[in-house]
Amino acid sequence: MPQSPRALMIFAAGFGTRMGALTAHCPKPLIPVAGRPLLDHALAQAAGVPLDRVVVNVHYLADQIRAHLAGQAVAIADETDCILETGGGLRAARPLLGDGPVFVMNSDSVWTGENPLAQLAAAWDPDRMDVLLLLLPAGEFTGHRGIGDFVMDDAGRIARAAGRPGLAYIGAQITRTDLLQEIPEQVFSLNLWWDRAIAAGRAYGLVHRGGCADVGRPESIALAEALLADV
């Protein structure tokens, strides 16, 4: 089996505007779900794979996240001067992450079932893949309101769903980072990188063997807690 990544990036820089008043004085990654901050749910999943480096980016209410992570083996990618979105933020963190492929997680998803990073590591094939996304059918992604982002062929290669019902990205992936250098924008979404990988036939998906909740809105907290309680 090809060697899996040894570095993880967790996105924690966003404003959390969909959370309304809950994020007026608290960054979304520190909002508690089932008695534990969202960021800690992500860090708990990280314990399921061998890692040399864990990096968390910060922007909004960054001092609170820094204080929460104090004393842990986590490096901070500082975006306090300019929030870079997911693609720009990942590229800016490369000096902390190293040059090879990395795990990437959102800090506003919670998972049940098999460890999401371990599943990705077992399926990762750098000879065929530039990116491998963890997915669920859109209707099974708790708290998600869309009809799906992708469709997948029998080999696992993905394409954009283009308005068709499909699979939703649930906030965990393995991706190369070296090719991000070819994108001229400073601030950009990883969607731009995914589209390049799709066009090259090197974007793949993997259906998660478990459940997941998108904790993007206040009402999603109860949904996520019910998912976790049902394990």
Foldseek 3Di string as FASTA:
>chain_A
DDFFAQEEEEEQADQLPQAPPVSPPPGQQQDDFPRGGLQVLVVVLVVVDHHDAYEYEYAPVRVVVCVVCPPPRYHYDYQNVHDQADLLSVLSCCVRRDQFKYKYFYSQKHWDDDRPSVVQRVPDDVVQAQKEFEKAQQVQAAPHDDQAFWAADPVQFIDGCVPPRHIHGQTIMIHGNPCSVVDPDNHDYCVVVQVVCSVVSRYGYDYDPTGMYGRSYPVSSVVNNVRVVVD
